[in-house]
Structures are given as structure tokens and as C-alpha cells.
Amino acid sequence: MEEVLRVAVEVAHEAGTLLRERFGHVQRVIFKGEVNPVTEADTEAEALILARLREAFPDHRILAEEGGGDEWREPGPPIWLVDPLDGTNNFAHGFPHIAVSIALVDKEEPVVGVIYDPLRDETFAACVGCGATLNGEPIRVSQVRRLADAFLATGFPYDRRTAPDNNVARLDHFLRRSQGVRRAGTASLDLAYVACGRFDGFWEIRLKPWDVAAGVLLVREAGGRATDFAGTPDCLSGEEIVASNGLIHEGMLRVIREGANAPLPPPL
């Protein structure tokens, strides 16, 4: 797996170089929905990644953001889940918080994951059983034990204007129960930041597999926990995801289930 990870890192760096060169020079933006943009950089980076992965791993399947679908659940060879530009809205507005996210999934479990921030030149990488690294150095989740002391991250779905569940109520609950919550618009980096201890926890709804696969592996390999809202490890669909250092996980789940008045377990 380490050789597969090495190739994935190289591919992420190539795509990241393209994005870095295009950053601040967006010429054309189209929308898949009312608030879901796609730039030329998205499609160029995706084409680059897909070509490199097909060349290196001709027997593997590939599922990328601009293609969509749920093929990752179907039996077959390992499948790459690719988000060529996580944080497209940020990119389109010149907000410097973007990432390339690439993961290899086998039998519905992530086994290789890379998240590359081309503007900070930070490479988060993991393979199953190998641990997680940032620019080649091992990383671990934080040791914060109380939700009241926790620094959290979240995001909001693209249909937030019309959907009855838009995550705003959960935000209110967590703002009242934590040290603070940040929303920076790049879910893969939120997960990477949980893995390296910058954030203590993260939750979101209605993401996609290519948004979370690499980050879920990073969090787990860094000693953390990633689940759905019921606490089961089946969170790769992205429909519901909670990731944390593990120590505050049950408290986060309780707030999600019961709201701002949820009783929390005592600190360990």
C-alpha cells in the first residue's frame, strides 16, 4: 500500500500545482445547482488526476466528483474516490482554503488517503495500518477530553436554503456546548485538521464519498474516530459524519441526538 500511497501523493501534488497556478485567476464559473459552482480548474484538475490514476492503476475503478454516482458500493476492483478541488466556492472567490482529496477504497473501506492543500503546501497522507502523516511527519489527534473545551468544525449542505434539515440547529447546539465552531468550506481539510489536532471534532450532513473518504482514513489512522450519527463506522457515504479525537465523540453524538440540553458524560 505504501507504493500506492506514494503515487497518490504525486498525483495530488500535480493537481495541486495546477490549482495553485489558477488560483486568483478564475475566468469562468458554472453552477450544477443554485449554490454549487464548478470552475474550469475543477475539470482540468480532475482530467489530470484521472489520466494519471488510469495510467498507474489500469485495473482500478475511479469515481470523481464531476461524475457522481454510488459505484463505490458495488463489488469489484478497488475504486478511487476523487475530489479534484474541494472548496470550489472558496477557490472561485479567492478565499485561500482549498484541497485535492484522493482516496482508494476496497470493499467499502478506505485503504489509502491523501489530502493536499496546495496553497499551504501541506500533504496529509495515510494508508491502512501505516498511520497518518503531515508532510511526512506522524500526526495524532488531540487529547481534549471535554466537549466544553473542544474546538469544532462543520459545514452546510448546498440545499440549505430549502431543506428542512440544514444543520443550523446543530450548529446552535454546539456553539452553546463547545469552545467554538468554525466553518471554512472545505470538508476534507476539516477532517485532516481533526487528524492532526487542529480541530478536536467535526460533523456535517449530505456530503459525498469523495468528500470524506481520505479524511476518514486520516482520522482513524491518527487515533481518532469517525462514525455516522448513530455511532456506527459506516460513514463513507457522507450523508452523516462525525469525526473526533475519540475522547469527545460520545458527547458530540449526544448533542446531535438530543440537542443543546443533552446531558454529557463526565470527563475521563
Protein backbone atom coordinates (compact mmCIF):
# COMPACT_ATOMS: atom_id res chain seq x y z
CA MET A 1 0.00 0.00 0.00
CA GLU A 2 2.90 2.37 0.60
CA GLU A 3 3.77 2.39 -3.11
CA VAL A 4 0.13 3.10 -3.98
CA LEU A 5 0.18 5.93 -1.45
CA ARG A 6 3.35 7.35 -2.99
CA VAL A 7 1.70 7.52 -6.40
CA ALA A 8 -1.44 9.09 -4.93
CA VAL A 9 0.68 11.79 -3.28
CA GLU A 10 2.45 12.52 -6.56
CA VAL A 11 -0.86 12.81 -8.40
CA ALA A 12 -2.31 15.09 -5.71
CA HIS A 13 0.76 17.33 -5.96
CA GLU A 14 0.44 17.57 -9.74
CA ALA A 15 -3.22 18.56 -9.48
CA GLY A 16 -2.41 20.94 -6.65
CA THR A 17 0.23 22.68 -8.74
CA LEU A 18 -2.39 23.28 -11.43
CA LEU A 19 -4.82 24.71 -8.87
CA ARG A 20 -2.17 26.93 -7.32
CA GLU A 21 -1.33 28.37 -10.74
CA ARG A 22 -5.02 29.03 -11.46
CA PHE A 23 -5.83 30.46 -8.02
CA GLY A 24 -6.84 34.10 -8.21
CA HIS A 25 -7.42 33.90 -11.96
CA VAL A 26 -10.87 32.32 -12.24
CA GLN A 27 -12.37 33.21 -15.61
CA ARG A 28 -15.49 31.07 -15.83
CA VAL A 29 -17.84 29.56 -13.26
CA ILE A 30 -20.87 27.39 -13.99
CA PHE A 31 -23.39 26.05 -11.49
CA LYS A 32 -24.64 22.49 -11.00
CA GLY A 33 -27.27 23.94 -8.67
CA GLU A 34 -28.20 27.31 -7.23
CA VAL A 35 -25.12 27.44 -4.98
CA ASN A 36 -22.92 24.57 -6.26
CA PRO A 37 -20.26 26.04 -8.56
CA VAL A 38 -17.82 24.35 -10.93
CA THR A 39 -14.77 26.14 -12.33
CA GLU A 40 -12.55 25.27 -15.26
CA ALA A 41 -9.90 24.39 -12.70
CA ASP A 42 -12.19 21.64 -11.31
CA THR A 43 -12.47 19.92 -14.66
CA GLU A 44 -8.80 20.41 -15.58
CA ALA A 45 -7.58 19.02 -12.26
CA GLU A 46 -10.00 16.10 -12.48
CA ALA A 47 -8.85 15.22 -16.00
CA LEU A 48 -5.23 15.28 -14.85
CA ILE A 49 -5.90 13.05 -11.83
CA LEU A 50 -8.00 10.54 -13.75
CA ALA A 51 -5.41 10.23 -16.51
CA ARG A 52 -2.58 9.64 -14.04
CA LEU A 53 -4.52 7.11 -11.97
CA ARG A 54 -5.65 5.17 -15.04
CA GLU A 55 -2.07 5.04 -16.26
CA ALA A 56 -0.73 3.82 -12.91
CA PHE A 57 -3.60 1.51 -11.95
CA PRO A 58 -5.39 0.31 -15.10
CA ASP A 59 -7.33 -2.37 -13.20
CA HIS A 60 -8.80 0.03 -10.65
CA ARG A 61 -12.11 1.84 -10.92
CA ILE A 62 -12.43 5.61 -10.49
CA LEU A 63 -15.29 7.76 -9.19
CA ALA A 64 -14.81 11.53 -9.29
CA GLU A 65 -16.93 14.43 -8.11
CA GLU A 66 -17.91 15.68 -11.54
CA GLY A 67 -19.01 12.14 -12.47
CA GLY A 68 -21.14 11.41 -9.41
CA GLY A 69 -22.79 8.09 -8.62
CA ASP A 70 -22.64 5.39 -5.95
CA GLU A 71 -20.41 2.86 -7.73
CA TRP A 72 -18.07 2.71 -4.75
CA ARG A 73 -20.56 0.39 -3.00
CA GLU A 74 -20.69 -2.08 -5.88
CA PRO A 75 -18.49 -5.20 -5.71
CA GLY A 76 -15.43 -5.13 -7.91
CA PRO A 77 -11.82 -3.97 -8.01
CA PRO A 78 -10.63 -1.19 -5.68
CA ILE A 79 -12.06 2.21 -6.55
CA TRP A 80 -10.51 5.67 -6.37
CA LEU A 81 -12.70 8.44 -4.96
CA VAL A 82 -11.52 11.80 -6.21
CA ASP A 83 -12.41 15.37 -5.34
CA PRO A 84 -10.10 17.39 -7.61
CA LEU A 85 -10.97 20.69 -5.92
CA ASP A 86 -12.60 20.61 -2.52
CA GLY A 87 -13.65 24.15 -1.72
CA THR A 88 -14.71 25.30 -5.17
CA ASN A 89 -16.69 28.22 -3.73
CA ASN A 90 -13.59 29.31 -1.83
CA PHE A 91 -11.50 28.98 -4.99
CA ALA A 92 -13.95 30.97 -7.08
CA HIS A 93 -13.91 33.83 -4.56
CA GLY A 94 -10.17 33.84 -3.95
CA PHE A 95 -10.54 32.53 -0.39
CA PRO A 96 -7.31 30.57 0.23
CA HIS A 97 -8.68 27.36 1.71
CA ILE A 98 -8.85 24.52 -0.83
CA ALA A 99 -7.65 20.95 -1.20
CA VAL A 100 -7.22 17.98 -3.50
CA SER A 101 -8.67 14.82 -1.95
CA ILE A 102 -7.85 11.34 -3.28
CA ALA A 103 -8.74 8.03 -1.63
CA LEU A 104 -8.58 4.37 -2.60
CA VAL A 105 -11.48 2.29 -1.29
CA ASP A 106 -11.52 -1.50 -1.20
CA LYS A 107 -14.61 -3.42 -0.08
CA GLU A 108 -16.23 -0.15 1.07
CA GLU A 109 -13.28 0.74 3.33
CA PRO A 110 -10.69 3.46 2.63
CA VAL A 111 -7.19 1.98 2.44
CA VAL A 112 -5.21 4.94 1.03
CA GLY A 113 -5.93 8.63 1.51
CA VAL A 114 -4.26 11.89 0.50
CA ILE A 115 -5.44 15.43 1.16
CA TYR A 116 -3.21 18.13 -0.32
CA ASP A 117 -3.52 21.84 0.43
CA PRO A 118 -1.64 23.44 -2.49
CA LEU A 119 -1.74 26.96 -1.08
CA ARG A 120 -0.07 25.97 2.21
CA ASP A 121 1.88 23.08 0.65
CA GLU A 122 0.58 20.67 3.28
CA THR A 123 0.25 17.00 2.41
CA PHE A 124 -1.86 14.82 4.70
CA ALA A 125 -1.41 11.14 3.88
CA ALA A 126 -2.40 7.76 5.30
CA CYS A 127 -2.66 4.10 4.39
CA VAL A 128 -4.45 1.50 6.43
CA GLY A 129 -2.20 0.22 9.19
CA CYS A 130 0.54 2.75 8.33
CA GLY A 131 -0.53 5.70 10.46
CA ALA A 132 -1.13 9.25 9.27
CA THR A 133 1.37 11.96 8.36
CA LEU A 134 1.60 15.66 7.59
CA ASN A 135 4.46 16.43 5.19
CA GLY A 136 6.00 13.10 6.13
CA GLU A 137 5.84 13.57 9.90
CA PRO A 138 3.50 11.42 12.04
CA ILE A 139 0.35 13.11 13.32
CA ARG A 140 -2.08 12.28 16.12
CA VAL A 141 -5.46 13.58 17.15
CA SER A 142 -5.78 15.98 20.09
CA GLN A 143 -6.17 14.96 23.72
CA VAL A 144 -9.04 17.32 24.61
CA ARG A 145 -11.38 15.38 26.88
CA ARG A 146 -14.31 17.75 27.47
CA LEU A 147 -16.69 18.97 24.81
CA ALA A 148 -16.77 22.33 26.60
CA ASP A 149 -13.06 22.72 25.77
CA ALA A 150 -13.34 21.43 22.20
CA PHE A 151 -12.65 23.40 19.02
CA LEU A 152 -15.00 22.09 16.33
CA ALA A 153 -15.71 22.42 12.62
CA THR A 154 -18.79 21.91 10.47
CA GLY A 155 -20.36 22.82 7.14
CA PHE A 156 -23.72 23.22 5.48
CA PRO A 157 -25.29 21.38 2.53
CA TYR A 158 -25.80 23.00 -0.86
CA ASP A 159 -29.60 22.71 -0.46
CA ARG A 160 -29.50 24.57 2.86
CA ARG A 161 -31.90 27.28 1.62
CA THR A 162 -34.76 24.85 1.05
CA ALA A 163 -34.04 21.66 3.03
CA PRO A 164 -35.85 21.19 6.35
CA ASP A 165 -32.61 19.85 7.88
CA ASN A 166 -29.85 22.31 7.03
CA ASN A 167 -27.57 21.69 10.05
CA VAL A 168 -28.20 25.15 11.53
CA ALA A 169 -29.93 23.80 14.64
CA ARG A 170 -26.96 21.52 15.37
CA LEU A 171 -24.64 24.49 14.96
CA ASP A 172 -26.59 26.37 17.61
CA HIS A 173 -26.37 23.39 19.96
CA PHE A 174 -22.62 23.02 19.53
CA LEU A 175 -21.94 26.74 19.84
CA ARG A 176 -23.52 26.54 23.29
CA ARG A 177 -21.60 23.41 24.31
CA SER A 178 -18.07 23.88 22.90
CA GLN A 179 -15.19 26.34 22.90
CA GLY A 180 -16.01 27.34 19.33
CA VAL A 181 -17.09 26.20 15.88
CA ARG A 182 -15.51 27.10 12.53
CA ARG A 183 -16.98 26.78 9.05
CA ALA A 184 -14.30 27.17 6.37
CA GLY A 185 -15.98 25.37 3.46
CA THR A 186 -13.54 22.52 2.76
CA ALA A 187 -14.67 19.30 4.46
CA SER A 188 -11.59 17.29 3.54
CA LEU A 189 -9.36 19.80 5.32
CA ASP A 190 -11.69 19.84 8.32
CA LEU A 191 -11.13 16.09 8.63
CA ALA A 192 -7.39 16.45 8.08
CA TYR A 193 -7.30 19.09 10.81
CA VAL A 194 -9.05 16.68 13.19
CA ALA A 195 -6.39 14.11 12.34
CA CYS A 196 -3.53 16.47 13.21
CA GLY A 197 -5.18 18.01 16.28
CA ARG A 198 -6.02 21.46 14.94
CA PHE A 199 -9.69 20.64 15.41
CA ASP A 200 -10.99 18.33 18.12
CA GLY A 201 -14.14 17.32 16.23
CA PHE A 202 -16.16 17.76 13.05
CA TRP A 203 -19.69 16.95 11.96
CA GLU A 204 -21.65 17.52 8.76
CA ILE A 205 -24.53 16.19 6.67
CA ARG A 206 -25.14 15.40 2.99
CA LEU A 207 -21.54 15.21 1.91
CA LYS A 208 -20.36 12.74 -0.75
CA PRO A 209 -17.95 9.80 -0.53
CA TRP A 210 -15.20 11.70 -2.36
CA ASP A 211 -15.51 14.49 0.25
CA VAL A 212 -14.85 12.24 3.24
CA ALA A 213 -13.06 9.01 2.25
CA ALA A 214 -9.48 10.26 2.56
CA GLY A 215 -10.26 12.25 5.70
CA VAL A 216 -11.99 9.34 7.44
CA LEU A 217 -8.89 7.20 6.95
CA LEU A 218 -6.63 10.01 8.19
CA VAL A 219 -8.67 10.47 11.35
CA ARG A 220 -8.74 6.76 12.13
CA GLU A 221 -5.04 6.24 11.42
CA ALA A 222 -4.24 9.25 13.64
CA GLY A 223 -6.04 7.59 16.55
CA GLY A 224 -9.44 9.24 16.20
CA ARG A 225 -12.93 8.04 15.49
CA ALA A 226 -15.28 8.59 12.52
CA THR A 227 -18.92 7.43 12.52
CA ASP A 228 -22.40 8.27 11.38
CA PHE A 229 -24.83 9.99 13.77
CA ALA A 230 -25.82 6.60 15.24
CA GLY A 231 -22.22 5.92 16.18
CA THR A 232 -21.63 3.16 13.60
CA PRO A 233 -18.46 3.26 11.48
CA ASP A 234 -20.49 3.22 8.24
CA CYS A 235 -19.99 6.91 7.40
CA LEU A 236 -18.32 6.78 4.00
CA SER A 237 -21.46 7.85 2.15
CA GLY A 238 -21.07 11.28 3.76
CA GLU A 239 -24.78 11.57 4.48
CA GLU A 240 -23.97 11.81 8.19
CA ILE A 241 -20.48 12.08 9.58
CA VAL A 242 -18.96 12.80 12.98
CA ALA A 243 -15.19 12.71 13.34
CA SER A 244 -13.29 13.41 16.53
CA ASN A 245 -10.30 12.64 18.68
CA GLY A 246 -12.43 9.86 20.17
CA LEU A 247 -12.46 11.37 23.65
CA ILE A 248 -15.31 13.79 22.91
CA HIS A 249 -17.11 11.53 20.44
CA GLU A 250 -19.90 10.30 22.68
CA GLY A 251 -20.57 13.85 23.83
CA MET A 252 -20.83 15.04 20.23
CA LEU A 253 -23.20 12.20 19.36
CA ARG A 254 -25.35 13.03 22.35
CA VAL A 255 -25.67 16.69 21.36
CA ILE A 256 -26.55 15.67 17.80
CA ARG A 257 -29.24 13.27 19.01
CA GLU A 258 -30.72 15.24 21.88
CA GLY A 259 -29.88 18.88 21.19
CA ALA A 260 -28.48 21.62 23.36
CA ASN A 261 -29.93 20.18 26.59
CA ALA A 262 -28.31 16.78 26.17
CA PRO A 263 -26.60 15.52 29.33
CA LEU A 264 -22.94 14.85 28.62
CA PRO A 265 -20.82 12.07 30.08
CA PRO A 266 -18.35 13.18 32.77
CA PRO A 267 -14.77 13.86 31.62
CA LEU A 268 -12.47 10.84 31.69
